[in-house]
Amino acid sequence: MDINFFSLPIFWIAIAVIAIVVEGCTTQLVSIWLAVSAIITAIIAAFTDSLLLQWMVFVALSIVCILATRPLVHRFRAKNAKVATNSDRYIGKLAEVIVDINNSDGVGQVKVEGSVWSAKTTSPYVLPAGTVVKIDGIEGVKMIVTPVNVTTG
């Protein structure tokens, strides 16, 4: 009796284990479907010696699983992706306070490159109009600013 290692269920289980390890390293949701296909092929290999049938099942299942889940993966990644707004270009630039910034009242505006933004400050003081500030970040629709020169009364 001639035994072909490639048609044994253990071969397909080994392929599944390798695919799971690869998936653990890449997290691309591709190798996991190869593992699922290999496990199903291992079950089929227990009932048939046809190497051609086993490979056809493995390839067909792999393709179907990958193609069926790609739209779900893209939708999930798109939902969790950070939306680029181009407002990050202001970070690090200087702006002028045009409406006093008072964190306790939640008011204040700055003007940078002709655009007016709501602002809050990292400073504990009220920043009067005319103060030059550095833009440290953006939270929602408010710029986070630090005074460059503060006039104290």
N, C-alpha and C. Protein backbone atom coordinates (compact mmCIF):
# COMPACT_ATOMS: atom_id res chain seq x y z
N MET A 1 0.85 -1.19 0.00
CA MET A 1 0.00 0.00 0.00
C MET A 1 0.89 1.25 0.00
N ASP A 2 0.68 2.08 -0.98
CA ASP A 2 1.46 3.30 -1.14
C ASP A 2 0.72 4.45 -0.46
N ILE A 3 1.34 5.07 0.56
CA ILE A 3 0.70 6.16 1.30
C ILE A 3 1.32 7.48 0.84
N ASN A 4 0.45 8.37 0.42
CA ASN A 4 0.88 9.70 -0.01
C ASN A 4 0.66 10.67 1.15
N PHE A 5 1.76 11.21 1.68
CA PHE A 5 1.67 12.12 2.83
C PHE A 5 0.77 13.31 2.54
N PHE A 6 0.78 13.80 1.29
CA PHE A 6 0.01 14.98 0.94
C PHE A 6 -1.50 14.75 0.94
N SER A 7 -1.94 13.50 0.97
CA SER A 7 -3.37 13.24 1.01
C SER A 7 -3.83 12.86 2.41
N LEU A 8 -2.93 12.85 3.37
CA LEU A 8 -3.30 12.52 4.74
C LEU A 8 -3.90 13.73 5.45
N PRO A 9 -4.88 13.50 6.34
CA PRO A 9 -5.46 14.62 7.10
C PRO A 9 -4.42 15.40 7.90
N ILE A 10 -3.37 14.72 8.37
CA ILE A 10 -2.35 15.40 9.17
C ILE A 10 -1.65 16.51 8.37
N PHE A 11 -1.49 16.30 7.06
CA PHE A 11 -0.89 17.33 6.21
C PHE A 11 -1.75 18.60 6.24
N TRP A 12 -3.07 18.43 6.11
CA TRP A 12 -3.97 19.58 6.09
C TRP A 12 -4.04 20.25 7.45
N ILE A 13 -3.94 19.47 8.51
CA ILE A 13 -3.92 20.06 9.86
C ILE A 13 -2.65 20.89 10.04
N ALA A 14 -1.53 20.39 9.51
CA ALA A 14 -0.27 21.14 9.59
C ALA A 14 -0.39 22.45 8.82
N ILE A 15 -1.02 22.41 7.66
CA ILE A 15 -1.26 23.64 6.88
C ILE A 15 -2.12 24.61 7.69
N ALA A 16 -3.15 24.09 8.35
CA ALA A 16 -4.03 24.94 9.17
C ALA A 16 -3.25 25.60 10.30
N VAL A 17 -2.40 24.84 10.97
CA VAL A 17 -1.60 25.40 12.08
C VAL A 17 -0.67 26.49 11.56
N ILE A 18 -0.02 26.23 10.45
CA ILE A 18 0.89 27.24 9.86
C ILE A 18 0.10 28.50 9.49
N ALA A 19 -1.07 28.33 8.90
CA ALA A 19 -1.89 29.48 8.51
C ALA A 19 -2.34 30.28 9.74
N ILE A 20 -2.66 29.59 10.82
CA ILE A 20 -3.07 30.28 12.05
C ILE A 20 -1.91 31.09 12.62
N VAL A 21 -0.72 30.50 12.61
CA VAL A 21 0.46 31.22 13.09
C VAL A 21 0.72 32.46 12.22
N VAL A 22 0.62 32.30 10.92
CA VAL A 22 0.83 33.44 10.01
C VAL A 22 -0.23 34.51 10.27
N GLU A 23 -1.48 34.11 10.47
CA GLU A 23 -2.55 35.08 10.75
C GLU A 23 -2.28 35.82 12.05
N GLY A 24 -1.77 35.11 13.04
CA GLY A 24 -1.44 35.76 14.30
C GLY A 24 -0.37 36.82 14.15
N CYS A 25 0.49 36.65 13.18
CA CYS A 25 1.57 37.62 12.94
C CYS A 25 1.13 38.77 12.05
N THR A 26 0.16 38.55 11.18
CA THR A 26 -0.20 39.58 10.20
C THR A 26 -1.54 40.25 10.46
N THR A 27 -2.50 39.56 11.03
CA THR A 27 -3.86 40.06 11.27
C THR A 27 -4.50 40.71 10.04
N GLN A 28 -4.35 40.08 8.89
CA GLN A 28 -4.94 40.60 7.65
C GLN A 28 -6.24 39.89 7.28
N LEU A 29 -6.65 38.91 8.05
CA LEU A 29 -7.85 38.11 7.78
C LEU A 29 -7.79 37.44 6.41
N VAL A 30 -6.64 36.91 6.08
CA VAL A 30 -6.49 36.11 4.86
C VAL A 30 -6.09 34.70 5.26
N SER A 31 -5.04 34.59 6.03
CA SER A 31 -4.52 33.28 6.43
C SER A 31 -5.52 32.49 7.26
N ILE A 32 -6.37 33.16 7.99
CA ILE A 32 -7.35 32.45 8.82
C ILE A 32 -8.30 31.64 7.94
N TRP A 33 -8.61 32.17 6.76
CA TRP A 33 -9.50 31.45 5.85
C TRP A 33 -8.79 30.27 5.20
N LEU A 34 -7.49 30.39 5.03
CA LEU A 34 -6.72 29.24 4.56
C LEU A 34 -6.73 28.15 5.62
N ALA A 35 -6.67 28.55 6.89
CA ALA A 35 -6.72 27.58 7.99
C ALA A 35 -8.07 26.88 8.03
N VAL A 36 -9.15 27.64 7.88
CA VAL A 36 -10.49 27.04 7.87
C VAL A 36 -10.62 26.07 6.70
N SER A 37 -10.15 26.49 5.54
CA SER A 37 -10.21 25.61 4.36
C SER A 37 -9.38 24.36 4.57
N ALA A 38 -8.23 24.48 5.20
CA ALA A 38 -7.37 23.32 5.45
C ALA A 38 -8.02 22.34 6.42
N ILE A 39 -8.71 22.86 7.43
CA ILE A 39 -9.39 21.98 8.39
C ILE A 39 -10.51 21.22 7.70
N ILE A 40 -11.30 21.90 6.89
CA ILE A 40 -12.38 21.22 6.16
C ILE A 40 -11.79 20.20 5.19
N THR A 41 -10.69 20.55 4.54
CA THR A 41 -10.02 19.62 3.63
C THR A 41 -9.47 18.42 4.39
N ALA A 42 -9.01 18.61 5.62
CA ALA A 42 -8.52 17.50 6.44
C ALA A 42 -9.65 16.51 6.72
N ILE A 43 -10.84 17.02 6.96
CA ILE A 43 -12.00 16.14 7.18
C ILE A 43 -12.30 15.35 5.92
N ILE A 44 -12.26 16.02 4.77
CA ILE A 44 -12.50 15.34 3.50
C ILE A 44 -11.41 14.31 3.23
N ALA A 45 -10.16 14.64 3.58
CA ALA A 45 -9.03 13.73 3.35
C ALA A 45 -9.18 12.44 4.15
N ALA A 46 -9.93 12.48 5.23
CA ALA A 46 -10.16 11.27 6.02
C ALA A 46 -11.05 10.29 5.28
N PHE A 47 -11.82 10.77 4.31
CA PHE A 47 -12.76 9.92 3.59
C PHE A 47 -12.36 9.61 2.15
N THR A 48 -11.38 10.32 1.62
CA THR A 48 -10.97 10.07 0.24
C THR A 48 -9.46 10.20 0.10
N ASP A 49 -8.91 9.43 -0.82
CA ASP A 49 -7.48 9.51 -1.11
C ASP A 49 -7.20 10.39 -2.31
N SER A 50 -8.24 10.93 -2.91
CA SER A 50 -8.07 11.73 -4.12
C SER A 50 -7.38 13.06 -3.80
N LEU A 51 -6.13 13.12 -4.19
CA LEU A 51 -5.34 14.33 -3.96
C LEU A 51 -5.91 15.51 -4.76
N LEU A 52 -6.37 15.23 -5.97
CA LEU A 52 -6.95 16.28 -6.81
C LEU A 52 -8.19 16.88 -6.14
N LEU A 53 -9.06 16.02 -5.62
CA LEU A 53 -10.28 16.50 -4.96
C LEU A 53 -9.92 17.35 -3.73
N GLN A 54 -8.95 16.90 -2.96
CA GLN A 54 -8.56 17.65 -1.77
C GLN A 54 -8.04 19.04 -2.12
N TRP A 55 -7.19 19.11 -3.11
CA TRP A 55 -6.65 20.41 -3.52
C TRP A 55 -7.74 21.31 -4.11
N MET A 56 -8.66 20.72 -4.87
CA MET A 56 -9.76 21.51 -5.44
C MET A 56 -10.63 22.09 -4.33
N VAL A 57 -10.93 21.28 -3.32
CA VAL A 57 -11.74 21.76 -2.19
C VAL A 57 -10.99 22.87 -1.45
N PHE A 58 -9.72 22.64 -1.18
CA PHE A 58 -8.92 23.64 -0.45
C PHE A 58 -8.87 24.97 -1.19
N VAL A 59 -8.55 24.93 -2.47
CA VAL A 59 -8.42 26.16 -3.26
C VAL A 59 -9.78 26.85 -3.39
N ALA A 60 -10.82 26.09 -3.71
CA ALA A 60 -12.15 26.69 -3.89
C ALA A 60 -12.65 27.32 -2.59
N LEU A 61 -12.53 26.60 -1.48
CA LEU A 61 -12.98 27.16 -0.20
C LEU A 61 -12.18 28.40 0.18
N SER A 62 -10.89 28.36 -0.05
CA SER A 62 -10.04 29.51 0.29
C SER A 62 -10.47 30.75 -0.50
N ILE A 63 -10.67 30.58 -1.79
CA ILE A 63 -11.07 31.71 -2.64
C ILE A 63 -12.43 32.25 -2.23
N VAL A 64 -13.39 31.36 -2.01
CA VAL A 64 -14.74 31.79 -1.63
C VAL A 64 -14.71 32.52 -0.29
N CYS A 65 -14.02 31.97 0.69
CA CYS A 65 -13.96 32.60 2.01
C CYS A 65 -13.30 33.97 1.96
N ILE A 66 -12.21 34.07 1.25
CA ILE A 66 -11.49 35.35 1.16
C ILE A 66 -12.33 36.39 0.44
N LEU A 67 -12.91 36.01 -0.69
CA LEU A 67 -13.73 36.96 -1.45
C LEU A 67 -14.99 37.37 -0.70
N ALA A 68 -15.56 36.45 0.07
CA ALA A 68 -16.79 36.75 0.81
C ALA A 68 -16.54 37.70 1.97
N THR A 69 -15.36 37.64 2.55
CA THR A 69 -15.11 38.47 3.73
C THR A 69 -14.39 39.78 3.44
N ARG A 70 -13.83 39.95 2.27
CA ARG A 70 -13.10 41.20 1.97
C ARG A 70 -13.98 42.44 2.11
N PRO A 71 -15.22 42.44 1.61
CA PRO A 71 -16.05 43.64 1.80
C PRO A 71 -16.29 43.95 3.27
N LEU A 72 -16.46 42.93 4.09
CA LEU A 72 -16.67 43.16 5.52
C LEU A 72 -15.42 43.76 6.17
N VAL A 73 -14.27 43.26 5.78
CA VAL A 73 -13.01 43.77 6.33
C VAL A 73 -12.82 45.23 5.92
N HIS A 74 -13.08 45.54 4.66
CA HIS A 74 -12.92 46.92 4.19
C HIS A 74 -13.90 47.85 4.89
N ARG A 75 -15.14 47.41 5.10
CA ARG A 75 -16.14 48.23 5.78
C ARG A 75 -15.72 48.48 7.23
N PHE A 76 -15.23 47.44 7.91
CA PHE A 76 -14.79 47.58 9.29
C PHE A 76 -13.60 48.53 9.40
N ARG A 77 -12.64 48.37 8.51
CA ARG A 77 -11.45 49.24 8.55
C ARG A 77 -11.81 50.68 8.20
N ALA A 78 -12.72 50.87 7.26
CA ALA A 78 -13.11 52.23 6.88
C ALA A 78 -13.81 52.92 8.04
N LYS A 79 -14.59 52.17 8.81
CA LYS A 79 -15.31 52.74 9.93
C LYS A 79 -14.34 53.19 11.02
N ASN A 80 -13.25 52.48 11.20
CA ASN A 80 -12.29 52.78 12.25
C ASN A 80 -11.13 53.65 11.80
N ALA A 81 -11.10 54.01 10.53
CA ALA A 81 -9.99 54.81 10.01
C ALA A 81 -10.14 56.27 10.44
N LYS A 82 -9.02 56.90 10.69
CA LYS A 82 -9.02 58.32 11.02
C LYS A 82 -9.26 59.10 9.74
N VAL A 83 -10.20 60.02 9.80
CA VAL A 83 -10.53 60.83 8.64
C VAL A 83 -9.56 62.01 8.58
N ALA A 84 -8.87 62.12 7.48
CA ALA A 84 -7.95 63.23 7.30
C ALA A 84 -8.74 64.48 6.93
N THR A 85 -8.58 65.54 7.70
CA THR A 85 -9.36 66.75 7.46
C THR A 85 -8.51 67.90 6.92
N ASN A 86 -7.23 67.72 6.85
CA ASN A 86 -6.32 68.75 6.39
C ASN A 86 -6.16 69.88 7.39
N SER A 87 -6.86 69.84 8.52
CA SER A 87 -6.71 70.88 9.53
C SER A 87 -5.44 70.69 10.34
N ASP A 88 -4.87 69.49 10.29
CA ASP A 88 -3.62 69.24 11.02
C ASP A 88 -2.49 70.12 10.52
N ARG A 89 -2.64 70.71 9.37
CA ARG A 89 -1.57 71.56 8.84
C ARG A 89 -1.35 72.80 9.71
N TYR A 90 -2.34 73.14 10.55
CA TYR A 90 -2.22 74.32 11.41
C TYR A 90 -1.39 74.05 12.67
N ILE A 91 -1.24 72.79 13.03
CA ILE A 91 -0.53 72.45 14.27
C ILE A 91 0.92 72.94 14.18
N GLY A 92 1.33 73.66 15.22
CA GLY A 92 2.68 74.21 15.28
C GLY A 92 2.77 75.64 14.76
N LYS A 93 1.71 76.13 14.12
CA LYS A 93 1.72 77.49 13.58
C LYS A 93 1.27 78.49 14.65
N LEU A 94 1.53 79.76 14.37
CA LEU A 94 1.11 80.83 15.26
C LEU A 94 -0.23 81.39 14.80
N ALA A 95 -1.04 81.80 15.78
CA ALA A 95 -2.35 82.39 15.49
C ALA A 95 -2.53 83.60 16.40
N GLU A 96 -3.53 84.41 16.09
CA GLU A 96 -3.85 85.57 16.92
C GLU A 96 -5.22 85.37 17.55
N VAL A 97 -5.29 85.65 18.85
CA VAL A 97 -6.58 85.58 19.55
C VAL A 97 -7.41 86.77 19.10
N ILE A 98 -8.65 86.50 18.62
CA ILE A 98 -9.52 87.60 18.18
C ILE A 98 -10.71 87.78 19.12
N VAL A 99 -11.04 86.74 19.89
CA VAL A 99 -12.04 86.84 20.96
C VAL A 99 -11.40 86.22 22.18
N ASP A 100 -11.42 86.95 23.31
CA ASP A 100 -10.76 86.46 24.53
C ASP A 100 -11.03 84.97 24.75
N ILE A 101 -9.96 84.22 25.06
CA ILE A 101 -10.11 82.79 25.33
C ILE A 101 -10.23 82.60 26.83
N ASN A 102 -11.39 82.10 27.25
CA ASN A 102 -11.67 81.85 28.66
C ASN A 102 -12.20 80.42 28.77
N ASN A 103 -11.36 79.51 29.24
CA ASN A 103 -11.76 78.10 29.31
C ASN A 103 -12.96 77.88 30.23
N SER A 104 -13.05 78.64 31.33
CA SER A 104 -14.16 78.41 32.26
C SER A 104 -15.49 78.80 31.64
N ASP A 105 -15.50 79.79 30.75
CA ASP A 105 -16.74 80.17 30.06
C ASP A 105 -16.93 79.43 28.74
N GLY A 106 -15.88 78.76 28.28
CA GLY A 106 -15.96 78.01 27.03
C GLY A 106 -16.00 78.90 25.80
N VAL A 107 -15.41 80.09 25.90
CA VAL A 107 -15.41 81.01 24.76
C VAL A 107 -13.98 81.29 24.32
N GLY A 108 -13.86 81.73 23.11
CA GLY A 108 -12.57 82.14 22.58
C GLY A 108 -12.43 81.76 21.12
N GLN A 109 -11.76 82.65 20.39
CA GLN A 109 -11.52 82.38 18.97
C GLN A 109 -10.13 82.86 18.59
N VAL A 110 -9.56 82.14 17.62
CA VAL A 110 -8.26 82.54 17.06
C VAL A 110 -8.40 82.63 15.55
N LYS A 111 -7.47 83.40 14.97
CA LYS A 111 -7.44 83.51 13.52
C LYS A 111 -6.07 83.03 13.05
N VAL A 112 -6.07 82.09 12.11
CA VAL A 112 -4.84 81.56 11.56
C VAL A 112 -5.00 81.45 10.05
N GLU A 113 -4.08 82.02 9.33
CA GLU A 113 -4.09 81.99 7.86
C GLU A 113 -5.46 82.36 7.29
N GLY A 114 -6.11 83.35 7.89
CA GLY A 114 -7.39 83.82 7.39
C GLY A 114 -8.60 83.03 7.87
N SER A 115 -8.38 81.91 8.57
CA SER A 115 -9.49 81.10 9.08
C SER A 115 -9.71 81.38 10.56
N VAL A 116 -10.98 81.48 10.93
CA VAL A 116 -11.33 81.71 12.33
C VAL A 116 -11.77 80.39 12.94
N TRP A 117 -11.19 80.08 14.10
CA TRP A 117 -11.48 78.83 14.81
C TRP A 117 -11.86 79.12 16.25
N SER A 118 -12.75 78.31 16.80
CA SER A 118 -12.96 78.31 18.24
C SER A 118 -11.70 77.76 18.87
N ALA A 119 -11.41 78.23 20.09
CA ALA A 119 -10.15 77.79 20.70
C ALA A 119 -10.29 77.66 22.20
N LYS A 120 -9.45 76.81 22.76
CA LYS A 120 -9.26 76.75 24.21
C LYS A 120 -7.77 76.68 24.46
N THR A 121 -7.38 77.03 25.67
CA THR A 121 -5.96 77.15 25.95
C THR A 121 -5.50 76.16 27.00
N THR A 122 -4.22 75.88 26.98
CA THR A 122 -3.61 75.05 28.01
C THR A 122 -3.20 75.91 29.20
N SER A 123 -3.28 77.23 29.03
CA SER A 123 -2.90 78.17 30.08
C SER A 123 -4.05 78.32 31.08
N PRO A 124 -3.74 78.52 32.37
CA PRO A 124 -4.81 78.73 33.35
C PRO A 124 -5.39 80.15 33.30
N TYR A 125 -4.80 81.02 32.50
CA TYR A 125 -5.22 82.42 32.43
C TYR A 125 -6.14 82.66 31.25
N VAL A 126 -6.91 83.75 31.35
CA VAL A 126 -7.70 84.22 30.22
C VAL A 126 -6.73 84.87 29.25
N LEU A 127 -6.84 84.51 27.99
CA LEU A 127 -5.97 85.10 26.97
C LEU A 127 -6.75 86.19 26.24
N PRO A 128 -6.32 87.45 26.36
CA PRO A 128 -7.06 88.54 25.73
C PRO A 128 -6.84 88.59 24.22
N ALA A 129 -7.77 89.25 23.55
CA ALA A 129 -7.64 89.46 22.10
C ALA A 129 -6.32 90.14 21.81
N GLY A 130 -5.68 89.74 20.74
CA GLY A 130 -4.40 90.30 20.35
C GLY A 130 -3.22 89.44 20.79
N THR A 131 -3.45 88.48 21.67
CA THR A 131 -2.38 87.60 22.14
C THR A 131 -1.96 86.66 21.01
N VAL A 132 -0.67 86.47 20.86
CA VAL A 132 -0.16 85.52 19.88
C VAL A 132 -0.06 84.16 20.57
N VAL A 133 -0.58 83.13 19.91
CA VAL A 133 -0.60 81.78 20.49
C VAL A 133 -0.04 80.79 19.48
N LYS A 134 0.44 79.68 20.02
CA LYS A 134 0.92 78.57 19.18
C LYS A 134 -0.15 77.49 19.21
N ILE A 135 -0.46 76.92 18.06
CA ILE A 135 -1.47 75.87 17.96
C ILE A 135 -0.81 74.53 18.27
N ASP A 136 -1.29 73.89 19.37
CA ASP A 136 -0.72 72.62 19.82
C ASP A 136 -1.49 71.41 19.30
N GLY A 137 -2.76 71.60 18.99
CA GLY A 137 -3.56 70.47 18.53
C GLY A 137 -4.96 70.91 18.19
N ILE A 138 -5.76 69.94 17.78
CA ILE A 138 -7.16 70.20 17.44
C ILE A 138 -7.99 69.09 18.05
N GLU A 139 -9.01 69.47 18.82
CA GLU A 139 -9.96 68.52 19.39
C GLU A 139 -11.34 68.88 18.85
N GLY A 140 -11.86 68.04 17.99
CA GLY A 140 -13.15 68.33 17.38
C GLY A 140 -13.05 69.56 16.51
N VAL A 141 -13.77 70.64 16.91
CA VAL A 141 -13.74 71.89 16.14
C VAL A 141 -13.00 72.99 16.89
N LYS A 142 -12.30 72.63 17.96
CA LYS A 142 -11.56 73.63 18.73
C LYS A 142 -10.06 73.42 18.62
N MET A 143 -9.36 74.53 18.44
CA MET A 143 -7.91 74.48 18.47
C MET A 143 -7.44 74.57 19.92
N ILE A 144 -6.42 73.80 20.22
CA ILE A 144 -5.79 73.86 21.54
C ILE A 144 -4.55 74.72 21.37
N VAL A 145 -4.49 75.83 22.13
CA VAL A 145 -3.42 76.79 21.93
C VAL A 145 -2.66 77.06 23.23
N THR A 146 -1.42 77.49 23.06
CA THR A 146 -0.56 77.90 24.16
C THR A 146 -0.10 79.32 23.88
N PRO A 147 -0.15 80.19 24.89
CA PRO A 147 0.28 81.58 24.65
C PRO A 147 1.78 81.67 24.38
N VAL A 148 2.12 82.51 23.44
CA VAL A 148 3.52 82.77 23.15
C VAL A 148 3.97 83.98 23.95
N ASN A 149 3.10 84.99 24.02
CA ASN A 149 3.34 86.15 24.89
C ASN A 149 2.03 86.50 25.57
N VAL A 150 2.03 86.49 26.89
CA VAL A 150 0.81 86.79 27.65
C VAL A 150 1.00 88.14 28.32
N THR A 151 0.01 89.02 28.10
CA THR A 151 0.05 90.31 28.78
C THR A 151 -0.72 90.18 30.07
N THR A 152 -0.06 90.43 31.18
CA THR A 152 -0.75 90.37 32.47
C THR A 152 -0.99 91.78 32.97
N GLY A 153 -2.15 91.98 33.58
CA GLY A 153 -2.56 93.30 33.93
C GLY A 153 -2.11 93.77 35.23
